[in-house]
Amino acid sequence: MDSNLLAIMYLVLLLVFLSVSGWFIVRQILRTRRKESNLAQLQKKVKNGEATAAERYALGSIFLEKKLYSQAIEQFQKTLKSKDLEAGADTAAVCNALGFAYAATEQYDLAIRQYKEALQQYPEYVTALNNLGFAYERKQLTAQALACYDQALEYDPNNATAKKRVEPLRKLVSPSN
């Protein structure tokens, strides 16, 4: 009887494990299908010339997620040229995303230009400040990177990214003797 109970417990644990695993797999499949469906719809609108700036931005964001950086860059550039894109936070988000795509392709000078444009549109944009700091770090411009992270901390004292990067950069800028 004891061995039967043990076998039943193993079987139940196996069924629970398989059920949970199956749930995660089905959930991921549904997310992927939804994303691919959105991608197809947005591409169709862009092809027909019916896409708004927000739809072009959404398409570029999907390309970013899929690591299709050149296509993302193209969409974000076209988004910035759209007549229905509002200045301010919307333009800043597009510039930041474009900068991110450039940084992902190691075009840091172009990324820096886009992050600076995002900050002109929305000076308190902490994500753009963090991204600008990252690009400066990649260009080995430590003092500028530190300034960006410090500014990000002024706007958001709890910013995890800036907190994590400030101390190592301070040590590089002013090493203790």
Protein backbone atom coordinates (compact mmCIF):
# COMPACT_ATOMS: atom_id res chain seq x y z
CA MET A 1 0.00 0.00 0.00
CA ASP A 2 2.86 2.33 0.80
CA SER A 3 4.44 1.97 -2.65
CA ASN A 4 1.05 2.62 -4.31
CA LEU A 5 0.65 5.84 -2.35
CA LEU A 6 4.16 6.94 -3.33
CA ALA A 7 3.46 6.18 -7.00
CA ILE A 8 0.19 8.15 -6.85
CA MET A 9 2.00 11.11 -5.26
CA TYR A 10 4.63 11.06 -8.02
CA LEU A 11 1.91 10.85 -10.65
CA VAL A 12 0.00 13.77 -9.11
CA LEU A 13 3.19 15.86 -8.93
CA LEU A 14 3.96 15.02 -12.55
CA LEU A 15 0.45 16.03 -13.63
CA VAL A 16 0.69 19.31 -11.70
CA PHE A 17 4.09 20.05 -13.24
CA LEU A 18 2.84 19.25 -16.75
CA SER A 19 -0.31 21.33 -16.24
CA VAL A 20 1.61 24.38 -15.07
CA SER A 21 4.14 23.99 -17.88
CA GLY A 22 1.33 23.61 -20.41
CA TRP A 23 -0.37 26.75 -19.11
CA PHE A 24 2.84 28.80 -19.57
CA ILE A 25 3.37 27.40 -23.06
CA VAL A 26 -0.22 28.12 -24.16
CA ARG A 27 0.03 31.62 -22.68
CA GLN A 28 3.23 32.30 -24.64
CA ILE A 29 1.71 30.96 -27.84
CA LEU A 30 -1.31 33.25 -27.43
CA ARG A 31 0.92 36.28 -26.78
CA THR A 32 3.02 35.49 -29.83
CA ARG A 33 -0.08 35.05 -32.01
CA ARG A 34 -1.50 38.36 -30.80
CA LYS A 35 1.80 40.14 -31.49
CA GLU A 36 2.11 38.61 -34.96
CA SER A 37 -1.49 39.56 -35.73
CA ASN A 38 -0.80 43.16 -34.65
CA LEU A 39 2.35 43.14 -36.76
CA ALA A 40 0.45 42.00 -39.85
CA GLN A 41 -2.30 44.60 -39.34
CA LEU A 42 0.16 47.43 -38.81
CA GLN A 43 2.27 46.44 -41.80
CA LYS A 44 -0.86 46.41 -43.95
CA LYS A 45 -1.83 49.92 -42.79
CA VAL A 46 1.68 51.21 -43.44
CA LYS A 47 1.75 49.61 -46.89
CA ASN A 48 -1.60 51.21 -47.77
CA GLY A 49 -0.46 54.60 -46.45
CA GLU A 50 -3.17 54.64 -43.78
CA ALA A 51 -0.94 54.40 -40.69
CA THR A 52 -0.96 57.12 -38.05
CA ALA A 53 2.15 58.17 -36.15
CA ALA A 54 1.04 56.05 -33.18
CA GLU A 55 0.64 53.00 -35.43
CA ARG A 56 4.07 53.53 -36.99
CA TYR A 57 5.53 53.84 -33.50
CA ALA A 58 3.78 50.62 -32.46
CA LEU A 59 5.16 48.86 -35.55
CA GLY A 60 8.66 50.13 -34.81
CA SER A 61 8.32 48.92 -31.22
CA ILE A 62 7.37 45.44 -32.41
CA PHE A 63 10.40 45.43 -34.70
CA LEU A 64 12.55 46.44 -31.71
CA GLU A 65 11.19 43.54 -29.67
CA LYS A 66 11.94 41.19 -32.54
CA LYS A 67 15.46 42.68 -32.80
CA LEU A 68 14.81 43.85 -36.37
CA TYR A 69 16.67 47.09 -35.77
CA SER A 70 16.98 48.41 -39.31
CA GLN A 71 13.22 48.07 -39.84
CA ALA A 72 12.58 49.69 -36.46
CA ILE A 73 14.86 52.59 -37.36
CA GLU A 74 13.01 53.08 -40.64
CA GLN A 75 9.61 53.15 -38.90
CA PHE A 76 10.74 55.52 -36.16
CA GLN A 77 12.26 57.90 -38.72
CA LYS A 78 8.99 57.92 -40.66
CA THR A 79 7.09 58.42 -37.42
CA LEU A 80 9.12 61.54 -36.67
CA LYS A 81 8.18 62.90 -40.12
CA SER A 82 4.45 62.24 -39.55
CA LYS A 83 2.27 65.30 -39.44
CA ASP A 84 0.05 63.86 -36.71
CA LEU A 85 2.89 63.34 -34.21
CA GLU A 86 2.50 65.75 -31.31
CA ALA A 87 5.53 67.56 -29.98
CA GLY A 88 6.54 66.89 -26.41
CA ALA A 89 6.28 63.52 -24.73
CA ASP A 90 5.14 61.71 -27.90
CA THR A 91 8.06 62.96 -29.96
CA ALA A 92 10.41 62.28 -27.05
CA ALA A 93 9.26 58.66 -26.88
CA VAL A 94 9.88 58.17 -30.59
CA CYS A 95 13.32 59.81 -30.41
CA ASN A 96 14.22 57.65 -27.43
CA ALA A 97 13.11 54.49 -29.23
CA LEU A 98 15.07 55.52 -32.32
CA GLY A 99 18.10 56.14 -30.15
CA PHE A 100 17.68 52.72 -28.59
CA ALA A 101 17.60 51.11 -32.03
CA TYR A 102 20.76 52.98 -33.02
CA ALA A 103 22.47 51.94 -29.79
CA ALA A 104 21.49 48.32 -30.40
CA THR A 105 23.32 48.53 -33.72
CA GLU A 106 26.30 50.21 -32.00
CA GLN A 107 25.72 53.54 -33.76
CA TYR A 108 26.27 55.45 -30.53
CA ASP A 109 26.77 58.91 -32.07
CA LEU A 110 23.36 58.67 -33.75
CA ALA A 111 21.87 57.28 -30.55
CA ILE A 112 23.25 60.18 -28.53
CA ARG A 113 21.77 62.66 -30.99
CA GLN A 114 18.33 61.04 -30.67
CA TYR A 115 18.47 60.87 -26.87
CA LYS A 116 19.40 64.56 -26.75
CA GLU A 117 16.47 65.35 -29.06
CA ALA A 118 14.17 63.37 -26.75
CA LEU A 119 15.43 65.40 -23.81
CA GLN A 120 14.84 68.66 -25.70
CA GLN A 121 11.23 67.60 -26.17
CA TYR A 122 10.82 66.34 -22.58
CA PRO A 123 13.68 67.35 -20.26
CA GLU A 124 12.55 65.16 -17.34
CA TYR A 125 12.52 61.96 -19.41
CA VAL A 126 14.44 59.67 -17.06
CA THR A 127 14.58 56.72 -19.47
CA ALA A 128 16.22 58.90 -22.11
CA LEU A 129 18.71 60.14 -19.52
CA ASN A 130 19.59 56.56 -18.59
CA ASN A 131 19.93 55.62 -22.25
CA LEU A 132 22.07 58.67 -22.94
CA GLY A 133 24.28 57.72 -20.00
CA PHE A 134 24.63 54.21 -21.42
CA ALA A 135 25.59 55.54 -24.86
CA TYR A 136 28.17 57.85 -23.29
CA GLU A 137 29.58 54.90 -21.37
CA ARG A 138 29.93 52.94 -24.60
CA LYS A 139 31.78 55.90 -26.11
CA GLN A 140 33.94 55.95 -22.96
CA LEU A 141 32.78 59.44 -22.06
CA THR A 142 32.61 58.71 -18.36
CA ALA A 143 32.06 62.25 -17.04
CA GLN A 144 29.11 62.83 -19.41
CA ALA A 145 27.61 59.45 -18.51
CA LEU A 146 27.88 60.25 -14.80
CA ALA A 147 26.21 63.63 -15.37
CA CYS A 148 23.29 61.91 -17.13
CA TYR A 149 22.80 59.39 -14.34
CA ASP A 150 23.05 62.14 -11.70
CA GLN A 151 20.41 64.14 -13.54
CA ALA A 152 18.19 61.04 -13.75
CA LEU A 153 18.52 60.66 -9.98
CA GLU A 154 17.49 64.29 -9.50
CA TYR A 155 14.20 63.57 -11.26
CA ASP A 156 13.77 60.06 -9.85
CA PRO A 157 15.83 59.39 -6.71
CA ASN A 158 14.78 55.73 -6.72
CA ASN A 159 15.87 55.04 -10.30
CA ALA A 160 17.52 51.63 -10.13
CA THR A 161 19.52 51.96 -13.35
CA ALA A 162 21.07 55.29 -12.40
CA LYS A 163 21.77 54.15 -8.82
CA LYS A 164 23.55 51.07 -10.11
CA ARG A 165 25.78 53.00 -12.55
CA VAL A 166 26.63 56.13 -10.51
CA GLU A 167 29.05 54.61 -7.99
CA PRO A 168 31.28 52.72 -10.45
CA LEU A 169 31.43 55.81 -12.67
CA ARG A 170 32.30 58.08 -9.73
CA LYS A 171 35.22 55.78 -8.94
CA LEU A 172 36.42 56.08 -12.53
CA VAL A 173 36.06 59.87 -12.65
CA SER A 174 37.76 60.53 -9.31
CA PRO A 175 39.72 57.45 -8.23
CA SER A 176 40.71 57.45 -4.56
CA ASN A 177 44.41 57.37 -3.79
